Amino acid sequence: MLALIALSTAAFLGILTEALPAGVLPAMSADMGVGESAMGQVLTVYAIASSISAIPLSVLTAGWRRKPLMLGSIATFAVANTVTAVSSSYSLTMVFRFICGVAAGFIWALLVEYARRMAPPHLQGRAIAITMAGVPLALSLGIPAGTLLGNAFGWRVTFLIMTGIALLLLAWVSASVPDFPGHKAEHRVPIRKAFTRPGVIAVLFVVAAWVLSHNILYTYISTFLIDYDMGARVDSVLLVFGIASLASILVVGAQVDRRLRLLTIVSAALVAVSAAMLVGLADVPVLVYVAAALWGLGWGGVTTLLQTAVTDAGGDSAQALLVTTWNGFMAGGGAVGGILLDTLGPRSFPWSVLALIVPVLFVVVIGRQHAFPAKRPGTA
């Protein structure tokens, strides 16, 4: 458990490093002497780097021992956050954000592999849930706290704090996380072969559509709420979303090994209901909070559900496919949302969520044989 919590802290650090600039963007922009739209690309370049590096790095390091790779990735976070904290050069900051994104792309696949190798088959889903609990914790607690500290003490302090977390995590992982050998050549599943295994394409479609729909709305949630005169309530709406996400990760973590299919269907349905409420009832503030809670309940356990599903279908090699798909469509969410904002306005966001989540629900329901079976392979 101590080792799994260390891995969860690594997930927390990864998300915090990726998304914290959004909370301190005006201050970073002013210090760097660039516009906020240009400064916002520190998030985009991180996501793109994670997306394009996951598959090549997984292939290159398949035979390497796992613990040195984990420690090297965490050390990269420490270096990149330190450079960001002290840099006054926009170009230098972007270079190290890209490097940090490369490390993140590798570490996401490595975290899930670690969780699976440290647990017996009937508890692997729960181990992944514990490891990935750092993601909603970062979104619901870490980023608001980092934004608060950044506003109080300066944004550079927050990046130095993340460096401190990374250094402490290096010692923690060194002491508590076991080492595992790489995968022998004869036992490796080539990524192209993992892609063609039954069920993998269906899971990756669900990843792409679900992540895209989520990030269209999440990226522009402030803009959407302002359009309904709820600009002053953005923080409280996101707090409700974050608390519901934490509740979701607890439920999914307890039940994923036995009820992966049911939980995935219910999660997609909750997001669909939330989007439908925002389409027709967003002018009623209390119902916006209800919709945010349903959205959080539907989204919080998605990381665990989809990572478990793709690995069940395609093996550890399929994790690189998921990381690439996830980060690519996460980056695309901001771009698509921007197009929708300019052409159709902010009220189009929940409509886009509905248009994407309904096919997700359909694919999960029909994927009962390979993608989302009622009984996970290898479990009693």
Protein backbone atom coordinates (compact mmCIF):
# COMPACT_ATOMS: atom_id res chain seq x y z
CA MET A 1 0.00 0.00 0.00
CA LEU A 2 2.85 2.41 0.80
CA ALA A 3 4.32 1.77 -2.64
CA LEU A 4 0.94 2.29 -4.35
CA ILE A 5 0.47 5.59 -2.51
CA ALA A 6 3.93 6.65 -3.71
CA LEU A 7 2.81 5.90 -7.27
CA SER A 8 -0.39 7.86 -6.64
CA THR A 9 1.73 10.82 -5.54
CA ALA A 10 3.62 10.55 -8.84
CA ALA A 11 0.27 10.77 -10.67
CA PHE A 12 -0.64 13.77 -8.50
CA LEU A 13 2.65 15.47 -9.40
CA GLY A 14 2.18 14.75 -13.10
CA ILE A 15 -1.27 16.35 -13.26
CA LEU A 16 -0.22 19.26 -11.06
CA THR A 17 2.81 19.97 -13.25
CA GLU A 18 0.65 19.82 -16.37
CA ALA A 19 -2.33 21.91 -15.31
CA LEU A 20 -1.08 24.37 -12.66
CA PRO A 21 -0.06 27.03 -15.24
CA ALA A 22 -3.76 27.48 -16.04
CA GLY A 23 -4.32 28.86 -12.53
CA VAL A 24 -1.40 31.33 -12.62
CA LEU A 25 -1.44 32.15 -16.33
CA PRO A 26 -1.82 35.95 -16.07
CA ALA A 27 1.16 36.24 -13.72
CA MET A 28 3.32 33.94 -15.85
CA SER A 29 2.33 35.89 -18.95
CA ALA A 30 3.29 39.21 -17.37
CA ASP A 31 6.65 37.92 -16.13
CA MET A 32 7.56 36.33 -19.47
CA GLY A 33 6.45 39.33 -21.48
CA VAL A 34 4.08 37.39 -23.75
CA GLY A 35 0.33 37.34 -24.24
CA GLU A 36 -1.88 34.99 -22.23
CA SER A 37 -2.78 32.99 -25.34
CA ALA A 38 0.92 32.39 -26.03
CA MET A 39 1.56 31.53 -22.39
CA GLY A 40 -1.33 29.08 -22.50
CA GLN A 41 0.64 26.99 -24.95
CA VAL A 42 2.74 25.69 -22.03
CA LEU A 43 -0.21 23.36 -21.42
CA THR A 44 -0.56 22.44 -25.08
CA VAL A 45 3.12 21.63 -25.62
CA TYR A 46 3.11 19.41 -22.50
CA ALA A 47 0.11 17.43 -23.75
CA ILE A 48 1.53 17.10 -27.28
CA ALA A 49 4.89 15.91 -25.95
CA SER A 50 3.14 13.27 -23.82
CA SER A 51 1.12 12.13 -26.80
CA ILE A 52 3.93 11.75 -29.34
CA SER A 53 6.50 10.25 -26.97
CA ALA A 54 4.53 7.49 -25.22
CA ILE A 55 4.77 4.84 -27.97
CA PRO A 56 8.43 5.38 -29.02
CA LEU A 57 9.60 5.45 -25.40
CA SER A 58 7.63 2.33 -24.48
CA VAL A 59 9.18 0.44 -27.41
CA LEU A 60 12.69 1.72 -26.69
CA THR A 61 12.62 0.88 -22.97
CA ALA A 62 10.56 -2.32 -23.01
CA GLY A 63 13.52 -4.43 -21.87
CA TRP A 64 14.89 -1.98 -19.29
CA ARG A 65 14.46 -2.36 -15.55
CA ARG A 66 11.44 -0.41 -14.38
CA LYS A 67 12.53 1.36 -11.18
CA PRO A 68 15.38 3.39 -12.74
CA LEU A 69 12.91 4.53 -15.40
CA MET A 70 10.44 5.63 -12.76
CA LEU A 71 13.11 7.52 -10.81
CA GLY A 72 14.43 9.13 -13.98
CA SER A 73 10.97 10.38 -14.91
CA ILE A 74 10.41 11.89 -11.46
CA ALA A 75 13.85 13.51 -11.57
CA THR A 76 12.90 15.07 -14.91
CA PHE A 77 9.86 16.66 -13.23
CA ALA A 78 12.18 18.13 -10.58
CA VAL A 79 14.58 19.60 -13.14
CA ALA A 80 11.87 20.95 -15.46
CA ASN A 81 9.89 22.58 -12.65
CA THR A 82 13.06 24.18 -11.27
CA VAL A 83 13.94 25.63 -14.66
CA THR A 84 10.38 26.92 -15.07
CA ALA A 85 10.54 28.55 -11.63
CA VAL A 86 13.73 30.49 -12.36
CA SER A 87 13.44 31.08 -16.11
CA SER A 88 12.69 34.49 -17.59
CA SER A 89 12.86 33.13 -21.15
CA TYR A 90 9.67 32.01 -22.84
CA SER A 91 11.60 29.79 -25.27
CA LEU A 92 13.57 28.07 -22.50
CA THR A 93 10.39 27.48 -20.52
CA MET A 94 8.68 25.92 -23.54
CA VAL A 95 11.65 23.60 -24.16
CA PHE A 96 11.56 22.28 -20.60
CA ARG A 97 7.78 22.00 -20.62
CA PHE A 98 8.18 19.78 -23.68
CA ILE A 99 10.84 17.69 -21.92
CA CYS A 100 8.58 17.37 -18.88
CA GLY A 101 5.71 16.28 -21.12
CA VAL A 102 7.91 13.54 -22.60
CA ALA A 103 8.63 12.24 -19.09
CA ALA A 104 4.91 12.39 -18.26
CA GLY A 105 3.97 10.43 -21.37
CA PHE A 106 6.22 7.63 -20.27
CA ILE A 107 5.34 7.70 -16.58
CA TRP A 108 1.59 7.28 -17.18
CA ALA A 109 2.07 3.91 -18.85
CA LEU A 110 4.69 2.90 -16.28
CA LEU A 111 2.40 3.66 -13.33
CA VAL A 112 -0.30 1.29 -14.55
CA GLU A 113 2.21 -1.44 -15.35
CA TYR A 114 3.62 -1.12 -11.83
CA ALA A 115 0.17 -1.29 -10.24
CA ARG A 116 -0.70 -4.44 -12.19
CA ARG A 117 2.60 -6.18 -11.43
CA MET A 118 2.31 -5.49 -7.70
CA ALA A 119 -1.19 -6.99 -7.40
CA PRO A 120 -2.79 -10.39 -8.09
CA PRO A 121 -5.18 -10.47 -11.09
CA HIS A 122 -8.34 -10.17 -9.00
CA LEU A 123 -7.05 -6.98 -7.34
CA GLN A 124 -5.32 -5.29 -10.26
CA GLY A 125 -8.19 -2.90 -10.94
CA ARG A 126 -8.16 -1.78 -7.31
CA ALA A 127 -4.38 -1.28 -7.43
CA ILE A 128 -4.77 0.89 -10.55
CA ALA A 129 -7.52 2.88 -8.80
CA ILE A 130 -5.27 3.60 -5.82
CA THR A 131 -2.43 4.61 -8.13
CA MET A 132 -4.67 6.88 -10.20
CA ALA A 133 -6.34 8.50 -7.17
CA GLY A 134 -3.67 11.18 -7.47
CA VAL A 135 -5.35 12.49 -10.63
CA PRO A 136 -8.67 13.69 -9.10
CA LEU A 137 -6.81 14.80 -5.97
CA ALA A 138 -4.61 17.05 -8.10
CA LEU A 139 -7.60 18.43 -10.00
CA SER A 140 -9.84 19.01 -6.99
CA LEU A 141 -7.29 20.00 -4.32
CA GLY A 142 -3.80 20.43 -5.75
CA ILE A 143 -4.50 22.93 -8.50
CA PRO A 144 -6.78 25.21 -6.39
CA ALA A 145 -4.20 25.14 -3.57
CA GLY A 146 -1.37 25.84 -6.02
CA THR A 147 -3.33 28.72 -7.54
CA LEU A 148 -3.96 30.16 -4.07
CA LEU A 149 -0.26 29.93 -3.18
CA GLY A 150 0.69 31.40 -6.53
CA ASN A 151 -1.56 34.40 -6.01
CA ALA A 152 -0.26 34.90 -2.47
CA PHE A 153 3.48 34.30 -2.91
CA GLY A 154 4.10 34.37 -6.64
CA TRP A 155 3.78 31.69 -9.30
CA ARG A 156 7.49 30.82 -9.16
CA VAL A 157 7.08 29.65 -5.57
CA THR A 158 4.48 27.09 -6.63
CA PHE A 159 6.85 25.55 -9.16
CA LEU A 160 9.61 25.38 -6.55
CA ILE A 161 7.16 23.62 -4.22
CA MET A 162 6.55 21.05 -6.96
CA THR A 163 10.33 20.59 -7.21
CA GLY A 164 10.36 19.87 -3.48
CA ILE A 165 7.55 17.33 -3.88
CA ALA A 166 9.50 15.63 -6.67
CA LEU A 167 12.66 15.39 -4.55
CA LEU A 168 10.75 13.92 -1.61
CA LEU A 169 9.04 11.51 -3.99
CA LEU A 170 12.41 10.34 -5.33
CA ALA A 171 13.40 9.29 -1.81
CA TRP A 172 9.98 7.70 -1.18
CA VAL A 173 9.99 5.66 -4.38
CA SER A 174 13.61 4.59 -3.79
CA ALA A 175 12.70 3.27 -0.34
CA SER A 176 9.29 1.68 -0.91
CA VAL A 177 8.65 0.79 -4.56
CA PRO A 178 10.03 -2.57 -5.75
CA ASP A 179 12.09 -2.93 -8.89
CA PHE A 180 10.90 -5.12 -11.75
CA PRO A 181 12.81 -6.41 -14.75
CA GLY A 182 11.90 -5.29 -18.24
CA HIS A 183 9.87 -7.52 -20.50
CA LYS A 184 11.82 -10.26 -22.27
CA ALA A 185 11.80 -9.96 -26.03
CA GLU A 186 9.93 -13.21 -26.51
CA HIS A 187 7.20 -12.10 -24.08
CA ARG A 188 6.64 -8.61 -25.48
CA VAL A 189 3.52 -7.82 -27.45
CA PRO A 190 4.45 -5.37 -30.24
CA ILE A 191 2.37 -2.22 -30.03
CA ARG A 192 1.06 -2.71 -33.56
CA LYS A 193 -0.10 -6.20 -32.53
CA ALA A 194 -1.69 -4.84 -29.34
CA PHE A 195 -3.61 -2.38 -31.51
CA THR A 196 -5.16 -5.22 -33.51
CA ARG A 197 -6.20 -7.34 -30.54
CA PRO A 198 -9.98 -7.71 -30.14
CA GLY A 199 -11.48 -4.93 -28.08
CA VAL A 200 -8.52 -2.50 -28.14
CA ILE A 201 -9.83 -0.26 -30.94
CA ALA A 202 -13.22 -0.05 -29.21
CA VAL A 203 -11.60 1.00 -25.92
CA LEU A 204 -9.41 3.58 -27.69
CA PHE A 205 -12.50 5.04 -29.40
CA VAL A 206 -14.14 5.41 -26.00
CA VAL A 207 -10.97 7.08 -24.66
CA ALA A 208 -10.82 9.52 -27.59
CA ALA A 209 -14.47 10.56 -27.56
CA TRP A 210 -14.79 10.72 -23.77
CA VAL A 211 -11.59 12.71 -23.19
CA LEU A 212 -12.42 15.10 -26.04
CA SER A 213 -15.93 15.73 -24.73
CA HIS A 214 -14.70 16.27 -21.18
CA ASN A 215 -11.96 18.72 -22.13
CA ILE A 216 -14.17 20.80 -24.41
CA LEU A 217 -16.40 21.60 -21.44
CA TYR A 218 -13.78 21.56 -18.64
CA THR A 219 -11.36 23.88 -20.47
CA TYR A 220 -14.06 26.49 -21.06
CA ILE A 221 -16.24 25.95 -18.00
CA SER A 222 -15.61 29.52 -16.81
CA THR A 223 -16.74 30.90 -20.15
CA PHE A 224 -19.84 28.70 -20.10
CA LEU A 225 -20.85 29.72 -16.57
CA ILE A 226 -20.23 33.41 -17.25
CA ASP A 227 -22.72 33.17 -20.11
CA TYR A 228 -25.33 32.14 -17.51
CA ASP A 229 -24.32 34.89 -15.03
CA MET A 230 -22.54 32.37 -12.79
CA GLY A 231 -19.02 33.69 -13.22
CA ALA A 232 -18.66 34.28 -9.47
CA ARG A 233 -19.53 30.63 -8.79
CA VAL A 234 -16.92 28.93 -10.97
CA ASP A 235 -14.79 27.92 -7.99
CA SER A 236 -17.72 26.42 -6.08
CA VAL A 237 -18.99 24.55 -9.15
CA LEU A 238 -15.53 23.06 -9.68
CA LEU A 239 -15.34 22.19 -5.98
CA VAL A 240 -18.57 20.20 -6.29
CA PHE A 241 -17.17 18.52 -9.40
CA GLY A 242 -13.93 17.68 -7.57
CA ILE A 243 -15.63 16.22 -4.48
CA ALA A 244 -17.90 14.08 -6.68
CA SER A 245 -14.83 12.91 -8.62
CA LEU A 246 -13.18 11.77 -5.40
CA ALA A 247 -16.32 9.86 -4.44
CA SER A 248 -16.30 8.24 -7.88
CA ILE A 249 -12.69 7.08 -7.60
CA LEU A 250 -13.48 5.45 -4.25
CA VAL A 251 -16.49 3.57 -5.64
CA VAL A 252 -14.68 2.53 -8.80
CA GLY A 253 -11.61 1.45 -6.85
CA ALA A 254 -13.69 -0.82 -4.64
CA GLN A 255 -15.74 -2.39 -7.45
CA VAL A 256 -13.74 -2.23 -10.71
CA ASP A 257 -12.36 -5.77 -10.48
CA ARG A 258 -15.88 -7.22 -10.37
CA ARG A 259 -18.01 -4.65 -12.17
CA LEU A 260 -15.88 -2.87 -14.77
CA ARG A 261 -18.54 -3.10 -17.48
CA LEU A 262 -21.40 -1.89 -15.28
CA LEU A 263 -19.34 0.97 -13.83
CA THR A 264 -18.31 2.14 -17.30
CA ILE A 265 -21.91 2.15 -18.54
CA VAL A 266 -23.13 3.99 -15.44
CA SER A 267 -20.30 6.54 -15.66
CA ALA A 268 -21.04 7.35 -19.31
CA ALA A 269 -24.76 7.60 -18.55
CA LEU A 270 -24.11 10.03 -15.68
CA VAL A 271 -22.07 12.28 -17.96
CA ALA A 272 -24.85 12.15 -20.57
CA VAL A 273 -27.47 13.16 -18.00
CA SER A 274 -25.22 15.97 -16.75
CA ALA A 275 -24.75 17.30 -20.29
CA ALA A 276 -28.50 17.12 -20.95
CA MET A 277 -29.15 19.15 -17.79
CA LEU A 278 -26.65 21.81 -18.87
CA VAL A 279 -28.29 21.96 -22.30
CA GLY A 280 -31.75 22.75 -20.98
CA LEU A 281 -31.49 23.77 -17.32
CA ALA A 282 -28.26 25.75 -16.92
CA ASP A 283 -30.23 28.91 -16.15
CA VAL A 284 -31.19 27.35 -12.78
CA PRO A 285 -28.08 27.62 -10.55
CA VAL A 286 -28.97 24.78 -8.17
CA LEU A 287 -29.36 22.41 -11.14
CA VAL A 288 -25.95 23.46 -12.45
CA TYR A 289 -24.49 22.21 -9.16
CA VAL A 290 -26.43 18.96 -9.53
CA ALA A 291 -25.10 18.60 -13.07
CA ALA A 292 -21.55 19.27 -11.84
CA ALA A 293 -21.95 16.54 -9.22
CA LEU A 294 -23.21 14.04 -11.81
CA TRP A 295 -20.38 15.03 -14.14
CA GLY A 296 -17.83 14.42 -11.39
CA LEU A 297 -19.37 11.08 -10.46
CA GLY A 298 -19.24 10.02 -14.11
CA TRP A 299 -15.73 11.28 -14.78
CA GLY A 300 -13.78 10.57 -11.59
CA GLY A 301 -13.25 6.84 -12.16
CA VAL A 302 -12.77 7.01 -15.94
CA THR A 303 -8.97 6.82 -15.76
CA THR A 304 -9.10 3.59 -13.77
CA LEU A 305 -11.89 2.07 -15.87
CA LEU A 306 -10.32 2.71 -19.25
CA GLN A 307 -6.76 1.86 -18.26
CA THR A 308 -7.98 -1.43 -16.81
CA ALA A 309 -10.08 -2.15 -19.90
CA VAL A 310 -7.33 -1.41 -22.43
CA THR A 311 -4.75 -3.50 -20.55
CA ASP A 312 -7.18 -6.40 -20.20
CA ALA A 313 -7.77 -6.28 -23.95
CA GLY A 314 -4.27 -5.55 -25.25
CA GLY A 315 -1.75 -6.16 -22.44
CA ASP A 316 0.78 -3.69 -21.03
CA SER A 317 1.80 -2.59 -24.54
CA ALA A 318 -1.67 -1.12 -25.03
CA GLN A 319 -1.01 1.43 -22.27
CA ALA A 320 1.19 3.42 -24.65
CA LEU A 321 -1.69 3.51 -27.12
CA LEU A 322 -4.00 4.81 -24.40
CA VAL A 323 -1.53 7.49 -23.26
CA THR A 324 -1.08 8.69 -26.85
CA THR A 325 -4.82 8.75 -27.48
CA TRP A 326 -5.64 10.37 -24.14
CA ASN A 327 -3.13 13.22 -24.40
CA GLY A 328 -3.77 13.82 -28.09
CA PHE A 329 -7.50 14.29 -27.58
CA MET A 330 -6.95 16.21 -24.35
CA ALA A 331 -4.91 18.73 -26.34
CA GLY A 332 -7.62 18.65 -29.01
CA GLY A 333 -10.30 19.56 -26.49
CA GLY A 334 -8.98 23.10 -26.14
CA ALA A 335 -8.72 23.55 -29.90
CA VAL A 336 -12.19 22.15 -30.67
CA GLY A 337 -13.69 24.12 -27.81
CA GLY A 338 -12.12 27.30 -29.16
CA ILE A 339 -13.66 26.67 -32.59
CA LEU A 340 -17.07 26.02 -31.04
CA LEU A 341 -16.76 29.16 -28.94
CA ASP A 342 -15.98 31.33 -31.97
CA THR A 343 -18.62 29.79 -34.23
CA LEU A 344 -21.53 28.68 -32.04
CA GLY A 345 -20.88 30.26 -28.64
CA PRO A 346 -20.39 28.74 -25.16
CA ARG A 347 -23.85 27.18 -25.00
CA SER A 348 -22.72 24.69 -27.65
CA PHE A 349 -20.34 22.98 -25.20
CA PRO A 350 -22.84 20.66 -23.46
CA TRP A 351 -24.35 19.83 -26.86
CA SER A 352 -20.90 18.67 -28.00
CA VAL A 353 -20.55 16.56 -24.87
CA LEU A 354 -23.87 14.87 -25.64
CA ALA A 355 -22.90 14.31 -29.28
CA LEU A 356 -19.70 12.52 -28.18
CA ILE A 357 -20.85 10.66 -25.07
CA VAL A 358 -23.86 8.95 -26.70
CA PRO A 359 -21.59 7.01 -29.14
CA VAL A 360 -19.35 6.19 -26.16
CA LEU A 361 -22.28 4.67 -24.33
CA PHE A 362 -23.27 2.71 -27.43
CA VAL A 363 -19.75 1.27 -27.94
CA VAL A 364 -19.46 0.26 -24.27
CA VAL A 365 -22.84 -1.48 -24.35
CA ILE A 366 -22.09 -3.48 -27.52
CA GLY A 367 -18.50 -4.25 -26.47
CA ARG A 368 -19.51 -6.98 -24.06
CA GLN A 369 -17.29 -9.68 -25.56
CA HIS A 370 -13.79 -8.14 -25.68
CA ALA A 371 -13.69 -4.42 -24.86
CA PHE A 372 -15.90 -4.25 -21.77
CA PRO A 373 -16.74 -7.82 -20.73
CA ALA A 374 -18.85 -8.51 -17.67
CA LYS A 375 -16.07 -10.73 -16.27
CA ARG A 376 -12.49 -9.49 -16.45
CA PRO A 377 -9.99 -12.02 -17.88
CA GLY A 378 -7.80 -13.71 -15.32
CA THR A 379 -10.19 -13.17 -12.41
CA ALA A 380 -11.99 -15.87 -10.51
